[in-house]
């Protein structure tokens, strides 16, 4: 099954046990929203999204090997 790497920042890391990143298996025709749902991250907790370093939205499709960057609504380290 295809996978994507999800990099979480600041308080969002709490959703994956405090780690900086996690690899997630995806099905075909998945979006960032599907990945957020899989990780049980509420959409309203996110603010800035990237796929492979490019700005994205929750509707942006993801595919094998993509790297997602997800930043919270409130900044921090």
N, C-alpha and C. Protein backbone atom coordinates (compact mmCIF):
# COMPACT_ATOMS: atom_id res chain seq x y z
N UNK A 1 0.85 -1.18 0.00
CA UNK A 1 0.00 0.00 0.00
C UNK A 1 0.89 1.24 0.00
N UNK A 2 0.52 2.28 -0.75
CA UNK A 2 1.33 3.50 -0.81
C UNK A 2 1.41 4.21 0.54
N UNK A 3 2.48 4.96 0.75
CA UNK A 3 2.66 5.70 1.99
C UNK A 3 3.05 7.14 1.73
N UNK A 4 2.76 8.00 2.72
CA UNK A 4 3.22 9.39 2.71
C UNK A 4 3.86 9.67 4.06
N UNK A 5 4.80 10.59 4.08
CA UNK A 5 5.42 11.01 5.33
C UNK A 5 4.73 12.28 5.79
N UNK A 6 4.30 12.30 7.03
CA UNK A 6 3.60 13.45 7.59
C UNK A 6 4.48 14.07 8.67
N UNK A 7 4.86 15.33 8.45
CA UNK A 7 5.65 16.08 9.42
C UNK A 7 4.72 17.03 10.15
N UNK A 8 4.65 16.89 11.47
CA UNK A 8 3.78 17.73 12.28
C UNK A 8 4.63 18.68 13.10
N UNK A 9 4.07 19.85 13.36
CA UNK A 9 4.82 20.90 14.06
C UNK A 9 4.07 21.37 15.30
N UNK A 10 4.85 21.81 16.27
CA UNK A 10 4.35 22.37 17.53
C UNK A 10 3.39 21.41 18.21
N UNK A 11 2.27 21.91 18.68
CA UNK A 11 1.33 21.11 19.46
C UNK A 11 0.71 19.94 18.72
N UNK A 12 0.76 19.95 17.39
CA UNK A 12 0.19 18.84 16.62
C UNK A 12 0.94 17.54 16.84
N UNK A 13 2.17 17.62 17.29
CA UNK A 13 2.97 16.41 17.52
C UNK A 13 2.35 15.52 18.60
N UNK A 14 1.54 16.11 19.46
CA UNK A 14 0.86 15.34 20.50
C UNK A 14 -0.07 14.28 19.93
N UNK A 15 -0.53 14.47 18.71
CA UNK A 15 -1.43 13.50 18.08
C UNK A 15 -0.68 12.23 17.64
N UNK A 16 0.64 12.32 17.56
CA UNK A 16 1.41 11.14 17.16
C UNK A 16 2.46 10.81 18.22
N UNK A 17 2.10 11.04 19.46
CA UNK A 17 2.97 10.66 20.57
C UNK A 17 4.20 11.52 20.75
N UNK A 18 4.15 12.76 20.27
CA UNK A 18 5.26 13.68 20.45
C UNK A 18 6.35 13.59 19.40
N UNK A 19 6.20 12.65 18.46
CA UNK A 19 7.21 12.51 17.40
C UNK A 19 7.08 13.66 16.39
N UNK A 20 8.12 13.90 15.64
CA UNK A 20 8.11 14.95 14.63
C UNK A 20 7.44 14.51 13.34
N UNK A 21 7.48 13.22 13.04
CA UNK A 21 6.89 12.74 11.80
C UNK A 21 6.42 11.31 11.94
N UNK A 22 5.58 10.92 11.01
CA UNK A 22 5.03 9.57 10.98
C UNK A 22 4.76 9.21 9.52
N UNK A 23 4.89 7.93 9.20
CA UNK A 23 4.54 7.44 7.87
C UNK A 23 3.13 6.87 7.92
N UNK A 24 2.31 7.27 6.96
CA UNK A 24 0.90 6.86 6.92
C UNK A 24 0.62 6.14 5.62
N UNK A 25 -0.05 5.01 5.70
CA UNK A 25 -0.48 4.30 4.49
C UNK A 25 -1.72 5.00 3.95
N UNK A 26 -1.77 5.12 2.62
CA UNK A 26 -2.92 5.77 1.98
C UNK A 26 -3.46 4.86 0.88
N UNK A 27 -4.73 5.05 0.59
CA UNK A 27 -5.34 4.39 -0.56
C UNK A 27 -5.26 5.37 -1.73
N UNK A 28 -5.64 4.94 -2.90
CA UNK A 28 -5.65 5.84 -4.05
C UNK A 28 -6.75 6.88 -3.85
N UNK A 29 -6.59 8.00 -4.51
CA UNK A 29 -7.57 9.10 -4.45
C UNK A 29 -7.78 9.65 -3.05
N UNK A 30 -6.70 9.75 -2.27
CA UNK A 30 -6.78 10.31 -0.93
C UNK A 30 -6.36 11.78 -0.95
N UNK A 31 -6.83 12.51 0.04
CA UNK A 31 -6.49 13.93 0.18
C UNK A 31 -5.84 14.15 1.55
N UNK A 32 -5.37 15.36 1.77
CA UNK A 32 -4.81 15.69 3.07
C UNK A 32 -5.88 15.49 4.15
N UNK A 33 -7.13 15.81 3.84
CA UNK A 33 -8.20 15.61 4.82
C UNK A 33 -8.28 14.15 5.26
N UNK A 34 -8.13 13.22 4.33
CA UNK A 34 -8.15 11.80 4.69
C UNK A 34 -7.02 11.46 5.64
N UNK A 35 -5.85 12.04 5.42
CA UNK A 35 -4.70 11.78 6.28
C UNK A 35 -4.96 12.36 7.68
N UNK A 36 -5.51 13.58 7.74
CA UNK A 36 -5.84 14.17 9.03
C UNK A 36 -6.84 13.30 9.79
N UNK A 37 -7.83 12.80 9.09
CA UNK A 37 -8.83 11.93 9.71
C UNK A 37 -8.18 10.65 10.23
N UNK A 38 -7.29 10.07 9.44
CA UNK A 38 -6.59 8.86 9.86
C UNK A 38 -5.79 9.08 11.14
N UNK A 39 -5.19 10.25 11.26
CA UNK A 39 -4.37 10.58 12.43
C UNK A 39 -5.20 11.18 13.57
N UNK A 40 -6.49 11.31 13.35
CA UNK A 40 -7.42 11.88 14.33
C UNK A 40 -7.04 13.30 14.73
N UNK A 41 -6.62 14.09 13.73
CA UNK A 41 -6.27 15.50 13.93
C UNK A 41 -7.45 16.34 13.43
N UNK A 42 -8.10 17.10 14.31
CA UNK A 42 -9.21 17.95 13.88
C UNK A 42 -8.72 19.01 12.88
N UNK A 43 -9.46 19.17 11.80
CA UNK A 43 -9.08 20.13 10.76
C UNK A 43 -8.90 21.53 11.34
N UNK A 44 -9.75 21.90 12.29
CA UNK A 44 -9.68 23.25 12.86
C UNK A 44 -8.41 23.48 13.68
N UNK A 45 -7.68 22.42 13.98
CA UNK A 45 -6.41 22.56 14.69
C UNK A 45 -5.25 22.85 13.73
N UNK A 46 -5.50 22.75 12.44
CA UNK A 46 -4.44 22.99 11.45
C UNK A 46 -4.62 24.35 10.81
N UNK A 47 -3.51 24.92 10.35
CA UNK A 47 -3.58 26.25 9.73
C UNK A 47 -2.83 26.29 8.39
N UNK A 48 -1.62 25.78 8.37
CA UNK A 48 -0.79 25.84 7.16
C UNK A 48 -0.45 24.41 6.74
N UNK A 49 -0.70 24.11 5.47
CA UNK A 49 -0.47 22.77 4.93
C UNK A 49 0.44 22.85 3.72
N UNK A 50 1.35 21.88 3.63
CA UNK A 50 2.24 21.79 2.48
C UNK A 50 2.28 20.34 1.99
N UNK A 51 2.42 20.18 0.68
CA UNK A 51 2.73 18.88 0.09
C UNK A 51 4.00 19.07 -0.73
N UNK A 52 5.04 18.37 -0.36
CA UNK A 52 6.34 18.48 -1.03
C UNK A 52 6.82 19.93 -1.09
N UNK A 53 6.61 20.67 0.00
CA UNK A 53 7.09 22.04 0.10
C UNK A 53 6.23 23.07 -0.59
N UNK A 54 5.09 22.67 -1.15
CA UNK A 54 4.21 23.61 -1.83
C UNK A 54 2.92 23.79 -1.03
N UNK A 55 2.41 25.02 -0.99
CA UNK A 55 1.18 25.26 -0.23
C UNK A 55 0.05 24.35 -0.71
N UNK A 56 -0.77 23.92 0.25
CA UNK A 56 -1.86 22.99 -0.06
C UNK A 56 -3.09 23.32 0.78
N UNK A 57 -4.18 22.63 0.48
CA UNK A 57 -5.41 22.72 1.26
C UNK A 57 -5.80 21.30 1.67
N UNK A 58 -6.83 21.19 2.48
CA UNK A 58 -7.27 19.86 2.90
C UNK A 58 -7.77 19.03 1.73
N UNK A 59 -8.15 19.68 0.63
CA UNK A 59 -8.64 18.98 -0.57
C UNK A 59 -7.52 18.54 -1.51
N UNK A 60 -6.28 18.91 -1.21
CA UNK A 60 -5.16 18.57 -2.08
C UNK A 60 -4.93 17.05 -2.07
N UNK A 61 -4.87 16.43 -3.26
CA UNK A 61 -4.61 14.99 -3.33
C UNK A 61 -3.18 14.67 -2.88
N UNK A 62 -3.03 13.48 -2.33
CA UNK A 62 -1.70 13.00 -1.95
C UNK A 62 -1.44 11.67 -2.65
N UNK A 63 -0.16 11.41 -2.92
CA UNK A 63 0.19 10.17 -3.61
C UNK A 63 1.46 9.59 -2.99
N UNK A 64 1.77 8.38 -3.39
CA UNK A 64 2.93 7.65 -2.90
C UNK A 64 4.17 8.53 -2.84
N UNK A 65 4.82 8.55 -1.69
CA UNK A 65 6.08 9.25 -1.54
C UNK A 65 5.98 10.72 -1.19
N UNK A 66 4.77 11.29 -1.16
CA UNK A 66 4.62 12.70 -0.81
C UNK A 66 5.05 12.95 0.62
N UNK A 67 5.51 14.18 0.86
CA UNK A 67 5.84 14.63 2.21
C UNK A 67 4.90 15.77 2.56
N UNK A 68 4.15 15.58 3.64
CA UNK A 68 3.19 16.59 4.08
C UNK A 68 3.77 17.35 5.25
N UNK A 69 3.58 18.65 5.26
CA UNK A 69 3.93 19.50 6.38
C UNK A 69 2.65 20.09 6.92
N UNK A 70 2.39 19.89 8.21
CA UNK A 70 1.15 20.36 8.80
C UNK A 70 1.49 21.21 10.03
N UNK A 71 1.07 22.47 9.98
CA UNK A 71 1.34 23.42 11.05
C UNK A 71 0.04 23.77 11.76
N UNK A 72 0.12 24.02 13.07
CA UNK A 72 -1.09 24.34 13.83
C UNK A 72 -1.57 25.76 13.60
N UNK A 73 -2.78 26.01 14.09
CA UNK A 73 -3.37 27.35 13.98
C UNK A 73 -2.58 28.37 14.78
N UNK A 74 -1.97 27.95 15.87
CA UNK A 74 -1.16 28.83 16.71
C UNK A 74 0.28 28.34 16.65
N UNK A 75 1.21 29.26 16.36
CA UNK A 75 2.61 28.89 16.17
C UNK A 75 3.29 28.38 17.42
N UNK A 76 4.51 27.99 17.22
CA UNK A 76 5.33 27.48 18.31
C UNK A 76 6.39 26.55 17.76
N UNK A 77 7.21 26.01 18.61
CA UNK A 77 8.33 25.17 18.21
C UNK A 77 8.00 23.81 17.90
